[in-house]
Amino acid sequence: MNRTRPAGRHDQCRPAAVAASALARARRQDRPHYWFADRLLAVLSGRRPVHWMLGHTIGEAYEQLVQLAPGAPLRPADRVTPVVRHCGEYHPGPGVIEAFARIGSGDRVSAMAFRLEQGADARWRCSAIELGGERVGSS
């Protein structure tokens, strides 16, 4: 049995480790709060336009994004692309998820919270967004 890596391959990953990592990413994307956290981060970091979330928001959440997006509050620090490090969830009732996310970009860590509501069509939509503990767009 040859235990050396193929010619030209310099990484230390084994195929099983790569497959496990891909499976973990796929499972994560099946969870609505992680999916929304990644989408919100793309808008709030300036990688996607705010209208990308138009069909995925309800109530004042879209207006909150319109106010936040131009400043790109989660823009990459030191050219390090921000990522969702962890996203937790709380279910206060049926069809509602209150989620919180830790966003990492280099040595910088930011907080983001949002509320998801499931409509009659079974689709999840974002209804509120908070960054760093401050609710945006409320009077």
N, C-alpha and C. Protein backbone atom coordinates (compact mmCIF):
# COMPACT_ATOMS: atom_id res chain seq x y z
N MET A 1 0.84 -1.17 0.00
CA MET A 1 0.00 0.00 0.00
C MET A 1 0.89 1.24 0.00
N ASN A 2 0.65 2.12 -0.93
CA ASN A 2 1.44 3.34 -1.06
C ASN A 2 0.80 4.44 -0.20
N ARG A 3 1.53 4.93 0.78
CA ARG A 3 1.00 5.97 1.67
C ARG A 3 1.52 7.35 1.31
N THR A 4 2.10 7.52 0.18
CA THR A 4 2.56 8.85 -0.23
C THR A 4 1.45 9.53 -1.01
N ARG A 5 1.49 10.84 -1.02
CA ARG A 5 0.45 11.57 -1.77
C ARG A 5 0.79 11.61 -3.24
N PRO A 6 -0.20 11.80 -4.08
CA PRO A 6 0.04 11.84 -5.53
C PRO A 6 0.99 12.98 -5.91
N ALA A 7 1.67 12.79 -7.03
CA ALA A 7 2.61 13.82 -7.51
C ALA A 7 1.88 15.14 -7.68
N GLY A 8 2.48 16.22 -7.24
CA GLY A 8 1.92 17.55 -7.39
C GLY A 8 0.97 17.95 -6.26
N ARG A 9 0.66 17.04 -5.39
CA ARG A 9 -0.24 17.36 -4.28
C ARG A 9 0.58 17.69 -3.05
N HIS A 10 0.34 18.88 -2.49
CA HIS A 10 1.16 19.34 -1.36
C HIS A 10 0.37 19.56 -0.09
N ASP A 11 -0.96 19.39 -0.15
CA ASP A 11 -1.75 19.63 1.05
C ASP A 11 -1.64 18.45 2.02
N GLN A 12 -2.04 18.70 3.25
CA GLN A 12 -1.96 17.68 4.28
C GLN A 12 -3.30 16.96 4.49
N CYS A 13 -4.35 17.44 3.81
CA CYS A 13 -5.69 16.85 3.98
C CYS A 13 -5.78 15.49 3.32
N ARG A 14 -6.46 14.64 3.95
CA ARG A 14 -6.78 13.35 3.39
C ARG A 14 -8.17 13.45 2.79
N PRO A 15 -8.49 12.66 1.79
CA PRO A 15 -9.82 12.74 1.17
C PRO A 15 -10.97 12.62 2.17
N ALA A 16 -10.84 11.78 3.19
CA ALA A 16 -11.90 11.63 4.17
C ALA A 16 -12.13 12.92 4.94
N ALA A 17 -11.06 13.64 5.28
CA ALA A 17 -11.18 14.91 6.00
C ALA A 17 -11.85 15.95 5.12
N VAL A 18 -11.52 15.98 3.85
CA VAL A 18 -12.12 16.93 2.92
C VAL A 18 -13.61 16.62 2.77
N ALA A 19 -13.96 15.35 2.66
CA ALA A 19 -15.36 14.95 2.52
C ALA A 19 -16.15 15.29 3.77
N ALA A 20 -15.57 15.08 4.94
CA ALA A 20 -16.24 15.40 6.19
C ALA A 20 -16.49 16.90 6.30
N SER A 21 -15.51 17.70 5.89
CA SER A 21 -15.65 19.15 5.92
C SER A 21 -16.75 19.61 4.97
N ALA A 22 -16.80 19.04 3.79
CA ALA A 22 -17.84 19.39 2.82
C ALA A 22 -19.21 18.99 3.34
N LEU A 23 -19.31 17.84 4.00
CA LEU A 23 -20.57 17.39 4.56
C LEU A 23 -21.03 18.33 5.67
N ALA A 24 -20.10 18.77 6.51
CA ALA A 24 -20.45 19.70 7.59
C ALA A 24 -20.96 21.01 7.02
N ARG A 25 -20.33 21.53 5.96
CA ARG A 25 -20.79 22.77 5.31
C ARG A 25 -22.18 22.58 4.72
N ALA A 26 -22.43 21.43 4.10
CA ALA A 26 -23.74 21.17 3.50
C ALA A 26 -24.82 21.09 4.58
N ARG A 27 -24.53 20.43 5.70
CA ARG A 27 -25.50 20.35 6.80
C ARG A 27 -25.80 21.73 7.35
N ARG A 28 -24.77 22.54 7.47
CA ARG A 28 -24.92 23.89 7.99
C ARG A 28 -25.86 24.71 7.11
N GLN A 29 -25.72 24.58 5.80
CA GLN A 29 -26.55 25.35 4.88
C GLN A 29 -27.99 24.87 4.86
N ASP A 30 -28.26 23.66 5.37
CA ASP A 30 -29.63 23.16 5.46
C ASP A 30 -30.38 23.78 6.62
N ARG A 31 -29.67 24.46 7.50
CA ARG A 31 -30.29 25.08 8.67
C ARG A 31 -30.58 26.54 8.34
N PRO A 32 -31.84 26.99 8.43
CA PRO A 32 -32.19 28.33 7.96
C PRO A 32 -31.43 29.45 8.63
N HIS A 33 -31.13 29.33 9.92
CA HIS A 33 -30.43 30.44 10.58
C HIS A 33 -29.01 30.59 10.06
N TYR A 34 -28.32 29.50 9.75
CA TYR A 34 -26.98 29.62 9.15
C TYR A 34 -27.07 30.19 7.74
N TRP A 35 -28.05 29.73 6.98
CA TRP A 35 -28.22 30.21 5.61
C TRP A 35 -28.45 31.72 5.60
N PHE A 36 -29.33 32.21 6.48
CA PHE A 36 -29.60 33.64 6.55
C PHE A 36 -28.39 34.40 7.08
N ALA A 37 -27.69 33.86 8.05
CA ALA A 37 -26.50 34.54 8.57
C ALA A 37 -25.48 34.77 7.46
N ASP A 38 -25.26 33.76 6.63
CA ASP A 38 -24.32 33.91 5.51
C ASP A 38 -24.80 34.96 4.52
N ARG A 39 -26.09 34.99 4.23
CA ARG A 39 -26.65 35.97 3.28
C ARG A 39 -26.58 37.39 3.85
N LEU A 40 -26.95 37.54 5.12
CA LEU A 40 -26.89 38.87 5.73
C LEU A 40 -25.45 39.37 5.78
N LEU A 41 -24.53 38.48 6.10
CA LEU A 41 -23.12 38.87 6.12
C LEU A 41 -22.65 39.32 4.74
N ALA A 42 -23.07 38.66 3.70
CA ALA A 42 -22.68 39.06 2.34
C ALA A 42 -23.14 40.48 2.03
N VAL A 43 -24.33 40.84 2.47
CA VAL A 43 -24.84 42.19 2.23
C VAL A 43 -24.13 43.20 3.14
N LEU A 44 -24.00 42.88 4.42
CA LEU A 44 -23.43 43.83 5.38
C LEU A 44 -21.92 43.97 5.28
N SER A 45 -21.28 43.10 4.51
CA SER A 45 -19.84 43.23 4.28
C SER A 45 -19.56 43.89 2.92
N GLY A 46 -20.62 44.19 2.19
CA GLY A 46 -20.45 44.86 0.90
C GLY A 46 -20.20 43.93 -0.27
N ARG A 47 -20.27 42.61 -0.06
CA ARG A 47 -20.03 41.67 -1.15
C ARG A 47 -21.25 41.48 -2.05
N ARG A 48 -22.44 41.77 -1.52
CA ARG A 48 -23.68 41.65 -2.29
C ARG A 48 -24.50 42.91 -2.11
N PRO A 49 -25.31 43.27 -3.12
CA PRO A 49 -26.18 44.45 -2.98
C PRO A 49 -27.36 44.14 -2.06
N VAL A 50 -27.91 45.18 -1.46
CA VAL A 50 -29.00 45.01 -0.52
C VAL A 50 -30.24 44.38 -1.17
N HIS A 51 -30.49 44.67 -2.43
CA HIS A 51 -31.69 44.10 -3.07
C HIS A 51 -31.61 42.58 -3.23
N TRP A 52 -30.45 41.99 -2.99
CA TRP A 52 -30.28 40.54 -3.01
C TRP A 52 -31.15 39.88 -1.94
N MET A 53 -31.52 40.65 -0.89
CA MET A 53 -32.33 40.12 0.21
C MET A 53 -33.80 40.52 0.09
N LEU A 54 -34.19 41.14 -0.97
CA LEU A 54 -35.54 41.68 -1.12
C LEU A 54 -36.62 40.63 -0.88
N GLY A 55 -36.53 39.47 -1.46
CA GLY A 55 -37.55 38.45 -1.28
C GLY A 55 -37.40 37.63 -0.02
N HIS A 56 -36.35 37.92 0.75
CA HIS A 56 -36.06 37.13 1.95
C HIS A 56 -36.28 37.91 3.24
N THR A 57 -36.90 39.09 3.13
CA THR A 57 -37.15 39.92 4.30
C THR A 57 -38.63 40.32 4.34
N ILE A 58 -39.11 40.60 5.55
CA ILE A 58 -40.47 41.10 5.72
C ILE A 58 -40.43 42.23 6.74
N GLY A 59 -41.49 43.01 6.77
CA GLY A 59 -41.58 44.09 7.76
C GLY A 59 -40.48 45.10 7.56
N GLU A 60 -39.94 45.55 8.67
CA GLU A 60 -38.92 46.60 8.60
C GLU A 60 -37.50 46.07 8.37
N ALA A 61 -37.33 44.79 8.26
CA ALA A 61 -35.98 44.22 8.09
C ALA A 61 -35.31 44.73 6.82
N TYR A 62 -36.06 44.84 5.74
CA TYR A 62 -35.44 45.34 4.49
C TYR A 62 -35.00 46.78 4.67
N GLU A 63 -35.81 47.60 5.33
CA GLU A 63 -35.43 48.99 5.57
C GLU A 63 -34.19 49.06 6.46
N GLN A 64 -34.09 48.15 7.41
CA GLN A 64 -32.90 48.09 8.25
C GLN A 64 -31.66 47.82 7.40
N LEU A 65 -31.79 46.88 6.47
CA LEU A 65 -30.67 46.58 5.57
C LEU A 65 -30.33 47.77 4.69
N VAL A 66 -31.35 48.47 4.19
CA VAL A 66 -31.12 49.64 3.34
C VAL A 66 -30.31 50.70 4.11
N GLN A 67 -30.61 50.86 5.39
CA GLN A 67 -29.88 51.83 6.21
C GLN A 67 -28.44 51.37 6.51
N LEU A 68 -28.29 50.09 6.76
CA LEU A 68 -26.98 49.55 7.15
C LEU A 68 -26.01 49.33 5.98
N ALA A 69 -26.51 48.80 4.89
CA ALA A 69 -25.65 48.33 3.80
C ALA A 69 -24.67 49.36 3.25
N PRO A 70 -25.06 50.63 3.04
CA PRO A 70 -24.09 51.58 2.47
C PRO A 70 -22.82 51.73 3.31
N GLY A 71 -22.93 51.59 4.62
CA GLY A 71 -21.75 51.70 5.47
C GLY A 71 -20.96 50.42 5.58
N ALA A 72 -21.50 49.33 5.06
CA ALA A 72 -20.86 48.01 5.12
C ALA A 72 -20.20 47.78 6.49
N PRO A 73 -21.02 47.73 7.56
CA PRO A 73 -20.45 47.63 8.90
C PRO A 73 -19.63 46.37 9.16
N LEU A 74 -19.79 45.35 8.35
CA LEU A 74 -19.01 44.12 8.54
C LEU A 74 -17.99 43.94 7.41
N ARG A 75 -17.57 45.07 6.83
CA ARG A 75 -16.55 45.03 5.77
C ARG A 75 -15.30 44.34 6.28
N PRO A 76 -14.62 43.60 5.42
CA PRO A 76 -13.42 42.87 5.84
C PRO A 76 -12.36 43.76 6.49
N ALA A 77 -11.81 43.28 7.58
CA ALA A 77 -10.70 43.97 8.25
C ALA A 77 -9.39 43.39 7.71
N ASP A 78 -8.49 44.22 7.33
CA ASP A 78 -7.18 43.77 6.85
C ASP A 78 -7.28 42.77 5.71
N ARG A 79 -8.26 42.97 4.83
CA ARG A 79 -8.45 42.12 3.65
C ARG A 79 -8.75 40.66 3.98
N VAL A 80 -9.17 40.41 5.20
CA VAL A 80 -9.56 39.06 5.61
C VAL A 80 -11.08 38.98 5.48
N THR A 81 -11.56 38.11 4.62
CA THR A 81 -12.99 37.98 4.39
C THR A 81 -13.69 37.55 5.67
N PRO A 82 -14.75 38.28 6.07
CA PRO A 82 -15.47 37.87 7.27
C PRO A 82 -16.25 36.58 7.04
N VAL A 83 -16.34 35.79 8.10
CA VAL A 83 -17.07 34.52 8.03
C VAL A 83 -17.95 34.37 9.27
N VAL A 84 -18.99 33.58 9.12
CA VAL A 84 -19.84 33.25 10.26
C VAL A 84 -19.13 32.14 11.02
N ARG A 85 -18.63 32.46 12.20
CA ARG A 85 -17.91 31.47 13.00
C ARG A 85 -18.88 30.52 13.71
N HIS A 86 -19.95 31.09 14.21
CA HIS A 86 -20.95 30.28 14.91
C HIS A 86 -22.29 30.99 14.79
N CYS A 87 -23.33 30.22 14.71
CA CYS A 87 -24.68 30.79 14.66
C CYS A 87 -25.58 29.92 15.53
N GLY A 88 -26.11 30.51 16.55
CA GLY A 88 -27.00 29.79 17.46
C GLY A 88 -28.45 30.17 17.20
N GLU A 89 -29.35 29.38 17.77
CA GLU A 89 -30.77 29.62 17.53
C GLU A 89 -31.58 29.40 18.79
N TYR A 90 -32.68 30.12 18.86
CA TYR A 90 -33.65 29.97 19.94
C TYR A 90 -35.02 29.99 19.28
N HIS A 91 -35.89 29.07 19.70
CA HIS A 91 -37.23 28.97 19.13
C HIS A 91 -38.25 29.44 20.17
N PRO A 92 -38.64 30.73 20.14
CA PRO A 92 -39.62 31.22 21.12
C PRO A 92 -41.03 30.71 20.87
N GLY A 93 -41.27 30.17 19.69
CA GLY A 93 -42.58 29.63 19.37
C GLY A 93 -42.53 28.95 18.02
N PRO A 94 -43.61 28.32 17.61
CA PRO A 94 -43.63 27.64 16.31
C PRO A 94 -43.44 28.65 15.17
N GLY A 95 -42.61 28.29 14.22
CA GLY A 95 -42.39 29.13 13.05
C GLY A 95 -41.59 30.38 13.30
N VAL A 96 -40.84 30.43 14.40
CA VAL A 96 -40.02 31.60 14.72
C VAL A 96 -38.65 31.12 15.19
N ILE A 97 -37.61 31.75 14.64
CA ILE A 97 -36.24 31.50 15.09
C ILE A 97 -35.61 32.84 15.41
N GLU A 98 -35.09 32.97 16.61
CA GLU A 98 -34.26 34.12 16.95
C GLU A 98 -32.83 33.61 16.95
N ALA A 99 -32.03 34.18 16.08
CA ALA A 99 -30.67 33.68 15.87
C ALA A 99 -29.64 34.73 16.23
N PHE A 100 -28.46 34.25 16.61
CA PHE A 100 -27.33 35.13 16.91
C PHE A 100 -26.11 34.54 16.24
N ALA A 101 -25.24 35.41 15.75
CA ALA A 101 -24.07 34.93 15.03
C ALA A 101 -22.82 35.69 15.47
N ARG A 102 -21.71 34.95 15.55
CA ARG A 102 -20.39 35.56 15.76
C ARG A 102 -19.73 35.63 14.39
N ILE A 103 -19.34 36.83 14.01
CA ILE A 103 -18.70 37.06 12.73
C ILE A 103 -17.23 37.34 12.98
N GLY A 104 -16.37 36.58 12.34
CA GLY A 104 -14.93 36.77 12.49
C GLY A 104 -14.30 37.29 11.22
N SER A 105 -13.40 38.25 11.39
CA SER A 105 -12.62 38.80 10.28
C SER A 105 -11.24 39.14 10.82
N GLY A 106 -10.31 38.23 10.63
CA GLY A 106 -8.99 38.43 11.23
C GLY A 106 -9.11 38.33 12.74
N ASP A 107 -8.58 39.34 13.45
CA ASP A 107 -8.67 39.38 14.91
C ASP A 107 -9.97 40.02 15.40
N ARG A 108 -10.75 40.56 14.48
CA ARG A 108 -11.99 41.26 14.84
C ARG A 108 -13.16 40.27 14.92
N VAL A 109 -13.96 40.40 15.98
CA VAL A 109 -15.18 39.60 16.13
C VAL A 109 -16.34 40.56 16.30
N SER A 110 -17.40 40.34 15.53
CA SER A 110 -18.60 41.16 15.61
C SER A 110 -19.79 40.28 15.94
N ALA A 111 -20.86 40.90 16.41
CA ALA A 111 -22.08 40.17 16.74
C ALA A 111 -23.22 40.61 15.82
N MET A 112 -24.05 39.66 15.47
CA MET A 112 -25.22 39.95 14.65
C MET A 112 -26.36 39.08 15.18
N ALA A 113 -27.54 39.67 15.27
CA ALA A 113 -28.73 38.91 15.68
C ALA A 113 -29.84 39.21 14.68
N PHE A 114 -30.70 38.23 14.49
CA PHE A 114 -31.81 38.42 13.56
C PHE A 114 -32.94 37.48 13.92
N ARG A 115 -34.12 37.84 13.45
CA ARG A 115 -35.32 37.04 13.71
C ARG A 115 -35.85 36.52 12.38
N LEU A 116 -36.16 35.24 12.35
CA LEU A 116 -36.74 34.61 11.17
C LEU A 116 -38.16 34.18 11.50
N GLU A 117 -39.05 34.37 10.53
CA GLU A 117 -40.43 33.94 10.69
C GLU A 117 -40.80 33.09 9.48
N GLN A 118 -41.46 31.98 9.74
CA GLN A 118 -41.86 31.08 8.67
C GLN A 118 -43.28 31.44 8.23
N GLY A 119 -43.41 31.71 6.91
CA GLY A 119 -44.71 32.10 6.37
C GLY A 119 -45.60 30.91 6.08
N ALA A 120 -46.81 31.21 5.64
CA ALA A 120 -47.78 30.17 5.28
C ALA A 120 -47.26 29.30 4.14
N ASP A 121 -46.34 29.85 3.33
CA ASP A 121 -45.75 29.10 2.23
C ASP A 121 -44.54 28.25 2.66
N ALA A 122 -44.30 28.19 3.97
CA ALA A 122 -43.21 27.42 4.59
C ALA A 122 -41.82 28.02 4.35
N ARG A 123 -41.75 29.20 3.76
CA ARG A 123 -40.45 29.87 3.55
C ARG A 123 -40.10 30.71 4.76
N TRP A 124 -38.82 30.73 5.10
CA TRP A 124 -38.32 31.54 6.19
C TRP A 124 -37.95 32.92 5.64
N ARG A 125 -38.33 33.97 6.40
CA ARG A 125 -37.99 35.33 6.02
C ARG A 125 -37.49 36.08 7.26
N CYS A 126 -36.56 36.97 7.03
CA CYS A 126 -35.97 37.76 8.11
C CYS A 126 -36.89 38.94 8.42
N SER A 127 -37.20 39.14 9.72
CA SER A 127 -38.09 40.22 10.11
C SER A 127 -37.43 41.29 10.98
N ALA A 128 -36.22 41.05 11.46
CA ALA A 128 -35.50 42.04 12.27
C ALA A 128 -34.01 41.71 12.28
N ILE A 129 -33.21 42.77 12.39
CA ILE A 129 -31.75 42.62 12.38
C ILE A 129 -31.15 43.52 13.45
N GLU A 130 -30.17 43.01 14.18
CA GLU A 130 -29.42 43.81 15.15
C GLU A 130 -27.94 43.55 14.94
N LEU A 131 -27.14 44.59 15.09
CA LEU A 131 -25.69 44.46 15.02
C LEU A 131 -25.10 44.99 16.32
N GLY A 132 -24.21 44.22 16.91
CA GLY A 132 -23.52 44.67 18.11
C GLY A 132 -24.43 45.07 19.26
N GLY A 133 -25.62 44.48 19.32
CA GLY A 133 -26.53 44.77 20.42
C GLY A 133 -27.46 45.94 20.20
N GLU A 134 -27.29 46.67 19.08
CA GLU A 134 -28.17 47.81 18.81
C GLU A 134 -29.12 47.48 17.69
N ARG A 135 -30.40 47.68 17.95
CA ARG A 135 -31.39 47.44 16.90
C ARG A 135 -31.35 48.62 15.93
N VAL A 136 -31.35 48.30 14.67
CA VAL A 136 -31.23 49.33 13.65
C VAL A 136 -32.60 49.62 13.07
N GLY A 137 -32.88 50.89 12.87
CA GLY A 137 -34.10 51.28 12.18
C GLY A 137 -35.32 51.37 13.05
N SER A 138 -35.22 51.15 14.36
CA SER A 138 -36.40 51.26 15.21
C SER A 138 -36.50 52.67 15.76
N SER A 139 -37.71 53.11 16.01
CA SER A 139 -37.94 54.48 16.51
C SER A 139 -38.07 54.50 18.00
